[in-house]
Full PDB file with SEQRES, HELIX, SHEET, SSBOND, CRYST1, ORIGX, SCALE, CONECT and MASTER records, all heavy atoms in Angstrom:
SEQRES   1 A   40  ARG THR LYS THR ASN ASN SER GLY GLY ILE GLN GLY GLY          
SEQRES   2 A   40  ILE SER ASN GLY GLU ASP VAL TYR PHE ASN VAL ALA PHE          
SEQRES   3 A   40  LYS PRO ILE ALA THR LEU LEU LYS GLU GLN GLN THR VAL          
SEQRES   4 A   40  ASP                                                          
SHEET    1 AA1 2 ILE A  10  GLN A  11  0                                        
SHEET    2 AA1 2 ILE A  14  SER A  15 -1                                        
CRYST1    1.000    1.000    1.000  90.00  90.00  90.00 P 1           1          
ORIGX1      1.000000  0.000000  0.000000        0.00000                         
ORIGX2      0.000000  1.000000  0.000000        0.00000                         
ORIGX3      0.000000  0.000000  1.000000        0.00000                         
SCALE1      1.000000  0.000000  0.000000        0.00000                         
SCALE2      0.000000  1.000000  0.000000        0.00000                         
SCALE3      0.000000  0.000000  1.000000        0.00000                         
ATOM      1  N   ARG A   1     121.337 107.331  91.731  1.00  0.00           N  
ATOM      2  CA  ARG A   1     119.915 107.204  92.050  1.00  0.00           C  
ATOM      3  C   ARG A   1     119.735 106.031  93.011  1.00  0.00           C  
ATOM      4  O   ARG A   1     120.700 105.381  93.398  1.00  0.00           O  
ATOM      5  CB  ARG A   1     119.095 106.967  90.774  1.00  0.00           C  
ATOM      6  CG  ARG A   1     119.253 108.032  89.697  1.00  0.00           C  
ATOM      7  CD  ARG A   1     118.785 109.388  90.154  1.00  0.00           C  
ATOM      8  NE  ARG A   1     117.372 109.418  90.472  1.00  0.00           N  
ATOM      9  CZ  ARG A   1     116.415 109.707  89.597  1.00  0.00           C  
ATOM     10  NH1 ARG A   1     116.729 109.998  88.349  1.00  0.00           N  
ATOM     11  NH2 ARG A   1     115.148 109.736  89.969  1.00  0.00           N  
ATOM     12  N   THR A   2     118.502 105.757  93.391  1.00  0.00           N  
ATOM     13  CA  THR A   2     118.220 104.579  94.215  1.00  0.00           C  
ATOM     14  C   THR A   2     117.279 103.649  93.452  1.00  0.00           C  
ATOM     15  O   THR A   2     116.414 104.099  92.693  1.00  0.00           O  
ATOM     16  CB  THR A   2     117.572 104.966  95.561  1.00  0.00           C  
ATOM     17  OG1 THR A   2     116.353 105.657  95.317  1.00  0.00           O  
ATOM     18  CG2 THR A   2     118.514 105.849  96.366  1.00  0.00           C  
ATOM     19  N   LYS A   3     117.451 102.328  93.651  1.00  0.00           N  
ATOM     20  CA  LYS A   3     116.636 101.333  92.947  1.00  0.00           C  
ATOM     21  C   LYS A   3     115.198 101.379  93.428  1.00  0.00           C  
ATOM     22  O   LYS A   3     114.268 101.150  92.659  1.00  0.00           O  
ATOM     23  CB  LYS A   3     117.219  99.930  93.155  1.00  0.00           C  
ATOM     24  CG  LYS A   3     118.542  99.687  92.439  1.00  0.00           C  
ATOM     25  CD  LYS A   3     119.062  98.275  92.698  1.00  0.00           C  
ATOM     26  CE  LYS A   3     118.188  97.229  92.023  1.00  0.00           C  
ATOM     27  NZ  LYS A   3     118.773  95.872  92.150  1.00  0.00           N  
ATOM     28  N   THR A   4     115.014 101.618  94.700  1.00  0.00           N  
ATOM     29  CA  THR A   4     113.682 101.760  95.285  1.00  0.00           C  
ATOM     30  C   THR A   4     113.607 103.124  95.963  1.00  0.00           C  
ATOM     31  O   THR A   4     114.615 103.834  96.050  1.00  0.00           O  
ATOM     32  CB  THR A   4     113.410 100.649  96.310  1.00  0.00           C  
ATOM     33  OG1 THR A   4     114.451 100.658  97.301  1.00  0.00           O  
ATOM     34  CG2 THR A   4     113.363  99.277  95.638  1.00  0.00           C  
ATOM     35  N   ASN A   5     112.421 103.467  96.442  1.00  0.00           N  
ATOM     36  CA  ASN A   5     112.280 104.776  97.097  1.00  0.00           C  
ATOM     37  C   ASN A   5     111.426 104.661  98.354  1.00  0.00           C  
ATOM     38  O   ASN A   5     110.472 105.413  98.553  1.00  0.00           O  
ATOM     39  CB  ASN A   5     111.682 105.796  96.121  1.00  0.00           C  
ATOM     40  CG  ASN A   5     111.734 107.222  96.674  1.00  0.00           C  
ATOM     41  OD1 ASN A   5     112.475 107.517  97.616  1.00  0.00           O  
ATOM     42  ND2 ASN A   5     110.931 108.110  96.116  1.00  0.00           N  
ATOM     43  N   ASN A   6     111.781 103.734  99.227  1.00  0.00           N  
ATOM     44  CA  ASN A   6     111.095 103.629 100.509  1.00  0.00           C  
ATOM     45  C   ASN A   6     111.349 104.857 101.378  1.00  0.00           C  
ATOM     46  O   ASN A   6     110.569 105.171 102.276  1.00  0.00           O  
ATOM     47  CB  ASN A   6     111.540 102.363 101.246  1.00  0.00           C  
ATOM     48  CG  ASN A   6     111.013 101.102 100.576  1.00  0.00           C  
ATOM     49  OD1 ASN A   6     109.861 101.043 100.177  1.00  0.00           O  
ATOM     50  ND2 ASN A   6     111.875 100.105 100.429  1.00  0.00           N  
ATOM     51  N   SER A   7     112.453 105.554 101.095  1.00  0.00           N  
ATOM     52  CA  SER A   7     112.808 106.746 101.874  1.00  0.00           C  
ATOM     53  C   SER A   7     111.938 107.949 101.541  1.00  0.00           C  
ATOM     54  O   SER A   7     112.016 108.980 102.229  1.00  0.00           O  
ATOM     55  CB  SER A   7     114.280 107.116 101.639  1.00  0.00           C  
ATOM     56  OG  SER A   7     115.135 106.063 102.027  1.00  0.00           O  
ATOM     57  N   GLY A   8     111.140 107.840 100.488  1.00  0.00           N  
ATOM     58  CA  GLY A   8     110.290 108.972 100.108  1.00  0.00           C  
ATOM     59  C   GLY A   8     111.083 110.177  99.660  1.00  0.00           C  
ATOM     60  O   GLY A   8     110.651 111.317  99.831  1.00  0.00           O  
ATOM     61  N   GLY A   9     112.251 109.941  99.057  1.00  0.00           N  
ATOM     62  CA  GLY A   9     113.051 111.036  98.522  1.00  0.00           C  
ATOM     63  C   GLY A   9     113.824 111.819  99.551  1.00  0.00           C  
ATOM     64  O   GLY A   9     114.411 112.858  99.224  1.00  0.00           O  
ATOM     65  N   ILE A  10     113.839 111.340 100.801  1.00  0.00           N  
ATOM     66  CA  ILE A  10     114.494 112.087 101.884  1.00  0.00           C  
ATOM     67  C   ILE A  10     115.307 111.115 102.739  1.00  0.00           C  
ATOM     68  O   ILE A  10     114.777 110.113 103.216  1.00  0.00           O  
ATOM     69  CB  ILE A  10     113.458 112.808 102.777  1.00  0.00           C  
ATOM     70  CG1 ILE A  10     112.563 113.733 101.936  1.00  0.00           C  
ATOM     71  CG2 ILE A  10     114.154 113.599 103.875  1.00  0.00           C  
ATOM     72  CD1 ILE A  10     111.351 114.257 102.690  1.00  0.00           C  
ATOM     73  N   GLN A  11     116.570 111.423 102.945  1.00  0.00           N  
ATOM     74  CA  GLN A  11     117.429 110.600 103.806  1.00  0.00           C  
ATOM     75  C   GLN A  11     118.232 111.522 104.711  1.00  0.00           C  
ATOM     76  O   GLN A  11     118.838 112.488 104.240  1.00  0.00           O  
ATOM     77  CB  GLN A  11     118.354 109.711 102.963  1.00  0.00           C  
ATOM     78  CG  GLN A  11     117.575 108.649 102.188  1.00  0.00           C  
ATOM     79  CD  GLN A  11     118.405 107.943 101.134  1.00  0.00           C  
ATOM     80  OE1 GLN A  11     119.303 108.521 100.535  1.00  0.00           O  
ATOM     81  NE2 GLN A  11     118.092 106.668 100.899  1.00  0.00           N  
ATOM     82  N   GLY A  12     118.213 111.243 106.001  1.00  0.00           N  
ATOM     83  CA  GLY A  12     118.886 112.115 106.951  1.00  0.00           C  
ATOM     84  C   GLY A  12     118.295 113.501 107.015  1.00  0.00           C  
ATOM     85  O   GLY A  12     118.966 114.458 107.404  1.00  0.00           O  
ATOM     86  N   GLY A  13     117.008 113.614 106.636  1.00  0.00           N  
ATOM     87  CA  GLY A  13     116.338 114.907 106.637  1.00  0.00           C  
ATOM     88  C   GLY A  13     116.613 115.747 105.408  1.00  0.00           C  
ATOM     89  O   GLY A  13     116.148 116.883 105.321  1.00  0.00           O  
ATOM     90  N   ILE A  14     117.361 115.189 104.431  1.00  0.00           N  
ATOM     91  CA  ILE A  14     117.802 115.930 103.250  1.00  0.00           C  
ATOM     92  C   ILE A  14     117.342 115.205 101.987  1.00  0.00           C  
ATOM     93  O   ILE A  14     117.420 113.971 101.909  1.00  0.00           O  
ATOM     94  CB  ILE A  14     119.340 116.070 103.248  1.00  0.00           C  
ATOM     95  CG1 ILE A  14     119.795 116.822 104.518  1.00  0.00           C  
ATOM     96  CG2 ILE A  14     119.832 116.794 102.005  1.00  0.00           C  
ATOM     97  CD1 ILE A  14     121.296 116.810 104.728  1.00  0.00           C  
ATOM     98  N   SER A  15     116.850 115.950 101.002  1.00  0.00           N  
ATOM     99  CA  SER A  15     116.366 115.336  99.764  1.00  0.00           C  
ATOM    100  C   SER A  15     117.512 114.658  99.021  1.00  0.00           C  
ATOM    101  O   SER A  15     118.640 115.142  99.005  1.00  0.00           O  
ATOM    102  CB  SER A  15     115.705 116.386  98.867  1.00  0.00           C  
ATOM    103  OG  SER A  15     116.635 117.395  98.498  1.00  0.00           O  
ATOM    104  N   ASN A  16     117.192 113.498  98.399  1.00  0.00           N  
ATOM    105  CA  ASN A  16     118.229 112.729  97.691  1.00  0.00           C  
ATOM    106  C   ASN A  16     118.033 112.719  96.182  1.00  0.00           C  
ATOM    107  O   ASN A  16     118.725 112.004  95.465  1.00  0.00           O  
ATOM    108  CB  ASN A  16     118.290 111.297  98.229  1.00  0.00           C  
ATOM    109  CG  ASN A  16     117.023 110.490  97.942  1.00  0.00           C  
ATOM    110  OD1 ASN A  16     116.099 110.976  97.284  1.00  0.00           O  
ATOM    111  ND2 ASN A  16     116.972 109.269  98.451  1.00  0.00           N  
ATOM    112  N   GLY A  17     117.080 113.488  95.671  1.00  0.00           N  
ATOM    113  CA  GLY A  17     116.869 113.576  94.233  1.00  0.00           C  
ATOM    114  C   GLY A  17     115.750 112.704  93.711  1.00  0.00           C  
ATOM    115  O   GLY A  17     115.343 112.854  92.559  1.00  0.00           O  
ATOM    116  N   GLU A  18     115.226 111.803  94.535  1.00  0.00           N  
ATOM    117  CA  GLU A  18     114.080 110.987  94.127  1.00  0.00           C  
ATOM    118  C   GLU A  18     112.787 111.752  94.425  1.00  0.00           C  
ATOM    119  O   GLU A  18     112.789 112.799  95.078  1.00  0.00           O  
ATOM    120  CB  GLU A  18     114.094 109.655  94.882  1.00  0.00           C  
ATOM    121  CG  GLU A  18     115.354 108.826  94.701  1.00  0.00           C  
ATOM    122  CD  GLU A  18     115.556 108.342  93.270  1.00  0.00           C  
ATOM    123  OE1 GLU A  18     114.553 108.181  92.537  1.00  0.00           O  
ATOM    124  OE2 GLU A  18     116.728 108.125  92.877  1.00  0.00           O  
ATOM    125  N   ASP A  19     111.667 111.214  93.943  1.00  0.00           N  
ATOM    126  CA  ASP A  19     110.380 111.839  94.222  1.00  0.00           C  
ATOM    127  C   ASP A  19     110.137 111.895  95.728  1.00  0.00           C  
ATOM    128  O   ASP A  19     110.378 110.914  96.441  1.00  0.00           O  
ATOM    129  CB  ASP A  19     109.240 111.042  93.589  1.00  0.00           C  
ATOM    130  CG  ASP A  19     109.260 111.061  92.068  1.00  0.00           C  
ATOM    131  OD1 ASP A  19     109.955 111.927  91.497  1.00  0.00           O  
ATOM    132  OD2 ASP A  19     108.577 110.212  91.463  1.00  0.00           O  
ATOM    133  N   VAL A  20     109.653 113.023  96.197  1.00  0.00           N  
ATOM    134  CA  VAL A  20     109.184 113.132  97.580  1.00  0.00           C  
ATOM    135  C   VAL A  20     107.694 112.823  97.566  1.00  0.00           C  
ATOM    136  O   VAL A  20     106.922 113.495  96.881  1.00  0.00           O  
ATOM    137  CB  VAL A  20     109.429 114.548  98.145  1.00  0.00           C  
ATOM    138  CG1 VAL A  20     108.779 114.693  99.519  1.00  0.00           C  
ATOM    139  CG2 VAL A  20     110.931 114.829  98.224  1.00  0.00           C  
ATOM    140  N   TYR A  21     107.292 111.773  98.279  1.00  0.00           N  
ATOM    141  CA  TYR A  21     105.872 111.431  98.315  1.00  0.00           C  
ATOM    142  C   TYR A  21     105.434 111.151  99.742  1.00  0.00           C  
ATOM    143  O   TYR A  21     106.217 110.720 100.582  1.00  0.00           O  
ATOM    144  CB  TYR A  21     105.557 110.251  97.387  1.00  0.00           C  
ATOM    145  CG  TYR A  21     106.122 108.920  97.807  1.00  0.00           C  
ATOM    146  CD1 TYR A  21     105.346 107.992  98.514  1.00  0.00           C  
ATOM    147  CD2 TYR A  21     107.431 108.552  97.477  1.00  0.00           C  
ATOM    148  CE1 TYR A  21     105.858 106.763  98.891  1.00  0.00           C  
ATOM    149  CE2 TYR A  21     107.949 107.332  97.850  1.00  0.00           C  
ATOM    150  CZ  TYR A  21     107.153 106.430  98.553  1.00  0.00           C  
ATOM    151  OH  TYR A  21     107.679 105.214  98.935  1.00  0.00           O  
ATOM    152  N   PHE A  22     104.148 111.420 100.010  1.00  0.00           N  
ATOM    153  CA  PHE A  22     103.651 111.361 101.382  1.00  0.00           C  
ATOM    154  C   PHE A  22     102.135 111.202 101.369  1.00  0.00           C  
ATOM    155  O   PHE A  22     101.464 111.456 100.367  1.00  0.00           O  
ATOM    156  CB  PHE A  22     104.033 112.637 102.140  1.00  0.00           C  
ATOM    157  CG  PHE A  22     103.624 113.907 101.449  1.00  0.00           C  
ATOM    158  CD1 PHE A  22     102.364 114.463 101.644  1.00  0.00           C  
ATOM    159  CD2 PHE A  22     104.502 114.552 100.569  1.00  0.00           C  
ATOM    160  CE1 PHE A  22     101.990 115.622 100.999  1.00  0.00           C  
ATOM    161  CE2 PHE A  22     104.121 115.714  99.906  1.00  0.00           C  
ATOM    162  CZ  PHE A  22     102.858 116.251 100.131  1.00  0.00           C  
ATOM    163  N   ASN A  23     101.598 110.775 102.513  1.00  0.00           N  
ATOM    164  CA  ASN A  23     100.150 110.654 102.717  1.00  0.00           C  
ATOM    165  C   ASN A  23      99.705 111.576 103.837  1.00  0.00           C  
ATOM    166  O   ASN A  23     100.412 111.731 104.842  1.00  0.00           O  
ATOM    167  CB  ASN A  23      99.762 109.219 103.076  1.00  0.00           C  
ATOM    168  CG  ASN A  23      99.906 108.265 101.910  1.00  0.00           C  
ATOM    169  OD1 ASN A  23      99.794 108.665 100.752  1.00  0.00           O  
ATOM    170  ND2 ASN A  23     100.139 106.997 102.199  1.00  0.00           N  
ATOM    171  N   VAL A  24      98.519 112.157 103.668  1.00  0.00           N  
ATOM    172  CA  VAL A  24      97.932 113.030 104.676  1.00  0.00           C  
ATOM    173  C   VAL A  24      96.543 112.503 105.006  1.00  0.00           C  
ATOM    174  O   VAL A  24      95.702 112.352 104.115  1.00  0.00           O  
ATOM    175  CB  VAL A  24      97.832 114.488 104.171  1.00  0.00           C  
ATOM    176  CG1 VAL A  24      97.369 115.409 105.288  1.00  0.00           C  
ATOM    177  CG2 VAL A  24      99.167 114.961 103.599  1.00  0.00           C  
ATOM    178  N   ALA A  25      96.311 112.185 106.289  1.00  0.00           N  
ATOM    179  CA  ALA A  25      95.029 111.626 106.718  1.00  0.00           C  
ATOM    180  C   ALA A  25      94.098 112.738 107.206  1.00  0.00           C  
ATOM    181  O   ALA A  25      94.489 113.557 108.042  1.00  0.00           O  
ATOM    182  CB  ALA A  25      95.254 110.606 107.830  1.00  0.00           C  
ATOM    183  N   PHE A  26      92.879 112.749 106.688  1.00  0.00           N  
ATOM    184  CA  PHE A  26      91.864 113.730 107.076  1.00  0.00           C  
ATOM    185  C   PHE A  26      90.731 113.018 107.810  1.00  0.00           C  
ATOM    186  O   PHE A  26      90.223 112.001 107.351  1.00  0.00           O  
ATOM    187  CB  PHE A  26      91.286 114.432 105.850  1.00  0.00           C  
ATOM    188  CG  PHE A  26      92.204 115.440 105.227  1.00  0.00           C  
ATOM    189  CD1 PHE A  26      93.247 115.045 104.394  1.00  0.00           C  
ATOM    190  CD2 PHE A  26      92.030 116.799 105.462  1.00  0.00           C  
ATOM    191  CE1 PHE A  26      94.095 115.975 103.818  1.00  0.00           C  
ATOM    192  CE2 PHE A  26      92.863 117.734 104.884  1.00  0.00           C  
ATOM    193  CZ  PHE A  26      93.907 117.332 104.072  1.00  0.00           C  
ATOM    194  N   LYS A  27      90.329 113.575 108.937  1.00  0.00           N  
ATOM    195  CA  LYS A  27      89.208 113.011 109.685  1.00  0.00           C  
ATOM    196  C   LYS A  27      87.883 113.355 108.993  1.00  0.00           C  
ATOM    197  O   LYS A  27      87.830 114.270 108.152  1.00  0.00           O  
ATOM    198  CB  LYS A  27      89.194 113.557 111.112  1.00  0.00           C  
ATOM    199  CG  LYS A  27      88.795 115.031 111.200  1.00  0.00           C  
ATOM    200  CD  LYS A  27      88.658 115.487 112.637  1.00  0.00           C  
ATOM    201  CE  LYS A  27      88.191 116.946 112.705  1.00  0.00           C  
ATOM    202  NZ  LYS A  27      87.985 117.398 114.085  1.00  0.00           N  
ATOM    203  N   PRO A  28      86.812 112.644 109.339  1.00  0.00           N  
ATOM    204  CA  PRO A  28      85.484 113.118 108.925  1.00  0.00           C  
ATOM    205  C   PRO A  28      85.253 114.472 109.593  1.00  0.00           C  
ATOM    206  O   PRO A  28      85.451 114.600 110.801  1.00  0.00           O  
ATOM    207  CB  PRO A  28      84.530 112.061 109.496  1.00  0.00           C  
ATOM    208  CG  PRO A  28      85.382 110.887 109.825  1.00  0.00           C  
ATOM    209  CD  PRO A  28      86.747 111.418 110.141  1.00  0.00           C  
ATOM    210  N   ILE A  29      84.893 115.492 108.823  1.00  0.00           N  
ATOM    211  CA  ILE A  29      84.774 116.822 109.415  1.00  0.00           C  
ATOM    212  C   ILE A  29      83.676 116.834 110.472  1.00  0.00           C  
ATOM    213  O   ILE A  29      82.733 116.052 110.429  1.00  0.00           O  
ATOM    214  CB  ILE A  29      84.539 117.909 108.354  1.00  0.00           C  
ATOM    215  CG1 ILE A  29      83.292 117.632 107.523  1.00  0.00           C  
ATOM    216  CG2 ILE A  29      85.751 118.045 107.469  1.00  0.00           C  
ATOM    217  CD1 ILE A  29      82.980 118.733 106.544  1.00  0.00           C  
ATOM    218  N   ALA A  30      83.813 117.742 111.419  1.00  0.00           N  
ATOM    219  CA  ALA A  30      83.046 117.668 112.662  1.00  0.00           C  
ATOM    220  C   ALA A  30      81.622 118.196 112.561  1.00  0.00           C  
ATOM    221  O   ALA A  30      80.780 117.856 113.391  1.00  0.00           O  
ATOM    222  CB  ALA A  30      83.791 118.418 113.760  1.00  0.00           C  
ATOM    223  N   THR A  31      81.326 119.032 111.571  1.00  0.00           N  
ATOM    224  CA  THR A  31      79.991 119.610 111.486  1.00  0.00           C  
ATOM    225  C   THR A  31      79.025 118.618 110.856  1.00  0.00           C  
ATOM    226  O   THR A  31      79.146 118.274 109.681  1.00  0.00           O  
ATOM    227  CB  THR A  31      80.004 120.905 110.666  1.00  0.00           C  
ATOM    228  OG1 THR A  31      80.864 121.852 111.296  1.00  0.00           O  
ATOM    229  CG2 THR A  31      78.599 121.488 110.579  1.00  0.00           C  
ATOM    230  N   LEU A  32      78.066 118.158 111.650  1.00  0.00           N  
ATOM    231  CA  LEU A  32      77.025 117.247 111.185  1.00  0.00           C  
ATOM    232  C   LEU A  32      75.685 117.963 111.226  1.00  0.00           C  
ATOM    233  O   LEU A  32      75.357 118.618 112.216  1.00  0.00           O  
ATOM    234  CB  LEU A  32      76.952 116.009 112.075  1.00  0.00           C  
ATOM    235  CG  LEU A  32      78.249 115.264 112.380  1.00  0.00           C  
ATOM    236  CD1 LEU A  32      77.942 114.054 113.261  1.00  0.00           C  
ATOM    237  CD2 LEU A  32      78.945 114.837 111.107  1.00  0.00           C  
ATOM    238  N   LEU A  33      74.896 117.842 110.181  1.00  0.00           N  
ATOM    239  CA  LEU A  33      73.571 118.468 110.151  1.00  0.00           C  
ATOM    240  C   LEU A  33      72.548 117.510 110.743  1.00  0.00           C  
ATOM    241  O   LEU A  33      71.581 117.103 110.102  1.00  0.00           O  
ATOM    242  CB  LEU A  33      73.218 118.877 108.718  1.00  0.00           C  
ATOM    243  CG  LEU A  33      74.178 119.869 108.062  1.00  0.00           C  
ATOM    244  CD1 LEU A  33      73.701 120.247 106.674  1.00  0.00           C  
ATOM    245  CD2 LEU A  33      74.349 121.117 108.927  1.00  0.00           C  
ATOM    246  N   LYS A  34      72.819 117.123 111.989  1.00  0.00           N  
ATOM    247  CA  LYS A  34      71.911 116.243 112.715  1.00  0.00           C  
ATOM    248  C   LYS A  34      72.072 116.517 114.213  1.00  0.00           C  
ATOM    249  O   LYS A  34      73.033 117.163 114.636  1.00  0.00           O  
ATOM    250  CB  LYS A  34      72.200 114.779 112.412  1.00  0.00           C  
ATOM    251  CG  LYS A  34      73.625 114.331 112.749  1.00  0.00           C  
ATOM    252  CD  LYS A  34      73.809 112.830 112.675  1.00  0.00           C  
ATOM    253  CE  LYS A  34      73.430 112.234 111.361  1.00  0.00           C  
ATOM    254  NZ  LYS A  34      73.686 110.783 111.304  1.00  0.00           N  
ATOM    255  N   GLU A  35      71.159 116.012 114.995  1.00  0.00           N  
ATOM    256  CA  GLU A  35      71.204 116.260 116.426  1.00  0.00           C  
ATOM    257  C   GLU A  35      72.432 115.625 117.074  1.00  0.00           C  
ATOM    258  O   GLU A  35      72.803 114.501 116.747  1.00  0.00           O  
ATOM    259  CB  GLU A  35      69.943 115.711 117.104  1.00  0.00           C  
ATOM    260  CG  GLU A  35      68.710 116.557 116.869  1.00  0.00           C  
ATOM    261  CD  GLU A  35      67.558 116.151 117.780  1.00  0.00           C  
ATOM    262  OE1 GLU A  35      67.708 115.143 118.515  1.00  0.00           O  
ATOM    263  OE2 GLU A  35      66.530 116.843 117.759  1.00  0.00           O  
ATOM    264  N   GLN A  36      73.066 116.410 117.978  1.00  0.00           N  
ATOM    265  CA  GLN A  36      74.191 115.911 118.760  1.00  0.00           C  
ATOM    266  C   GLN A  36      74.086 116.464 120.180  1.00  0.00           C  
ATOM    267  O   GLN A  36      73.519 117.531 120.399  1.00  0.00           O  
ATOM    268  CB  GLN A  36      75.518 116.373 118.146  1.00  0.00           C  
ATOM    269  CG  GLN A  36      75.828 115.785 116.789  1.00  0.00           C  
ATOM    270  CD  GLN A  36      77.184 116.246 116.312  1.00  0.00           C  
ATOM    271  OE1 GLN A  36      78.213 115.675 116.631  1.00  0.00           O  
ATOM    272  NE2 GLN A  36      77.187 117.319 115.535  1.00  0.00           N  
ATOM    273  N   GLN A  37      74.679 115.736 121.112  1.00  0.00           N  
ATOM    274  CA  GLN A  37      74.721 116.172 122.502  1.00  0.00           C  
ATOM    275  C   GLN A  37      75.979 116.993 122.749  1.00  0.00           C  
ATOM    276  O   GLN A  37      77.049 116.677 122.216  1.00  0.00           O  
ATOM    277  CB  GLN A  37      74.703 114.966 123.442  1.00  0.00           C  
ATOM    278  CG  GLN A  37      73.476 114.081 123.295  1.00  0.00           C  
ATOM    279  CD  GLN A  37      72.180 114.823 123.545  1.00  0.00           C  
ATOM    280  OE1 GLN A  37      72.045 115.491 124.577  1.00  0.00           O  
ATOM    281  NE2 GLN A  37      71.230 114.723 122.623  1.00  0.00           N  
ATOM    282  N   THR A  38      75.871 118.053 123.548  1.00  0.00           N  
ATOM    283  CA  THR A  38      77.039 118.856 123.891  1.00  0.00           C  
ATOM    284  C   THR A  38      76.727 119.661 125.161  1.00  0.00           C  
ATOM    285  O   THR A  38      75.748 119.392 125.855  1.00  0.00           O  
ATOM    286  CB  THR A  38      77.452 119.769 122.730  1.00  0.00           C  
ATOM    287  OG1 THR A  38      78.710 120.380 123.037  1.00  0.00           O  
ATOM    288  CG2 THR A  38      76.401 120.832 122.454  1.00  0.00           C  
ATOM    289  N   VAL A  39      77.561 120.663 125.441  1.00  0.00           N  
ATOM    290  CA  VAL A  39      77.313 121.567 126.567  1.00  0.00           C  
ATOM    291  C   VAL A  39      77.490 123.005 126.092  1.00  0.00           C  
ATOM    292  O   VAL A  39      78.124 123.258 125.057  1.00  0.00           O  
ATOM    293  CB  VAL A  39      78.274 121.298 127.753  1.00  0.00           C  
ATOM    294  CG1 VAL A  39      78.092 119.894 128.300  1.00  0.00           C  
ATOM    295  CG2 VAL A  39      79.727 121.527 127.334  1.00  0.00           C  
ATOM    296  N   ASP A  40      76.932 123.943 126.853  1.00  0.00           N  
ATOM    297  CA  ASP A  40      77.113 125.355 126.537  1.00  0.00           C  
ATOM    298  C   ASP A  40      78.131 125.979 127.488  1.00  0.00           C  
ATOM    299  O   ASP A  40      78.710 125.282 128.333  1.00  0.00           O  
ATOM    300  CB  ASP A  40      75.787 126.113 126.554  1.00  0.00           C  
ATOM    301  CG  ASP A  40      75.111 126.106 127.928  1.00  0.00           C  
ATOM    302  OD1 ASP A  40      75.805 125.863 128.940  1.00  0.00           O  
ATOM    303  OD2 ASP A  40      73.893 126.353 127.983  1.00  0.00           O  
TER     304      ASP A  40                                                      
MASTER        0    0    0    0    2    0    0    6  303    1    0    4          
END                                                                             
């Protein structure tokens, strides 16, 4: 095993048996129910 898991369970592109963990960033969604400027 590994003492720490900074690798996120993956080394050399291959899983090493530790937990695989990750973050996914989501933007504020684009549809606003208020006036906006645009073009047609």
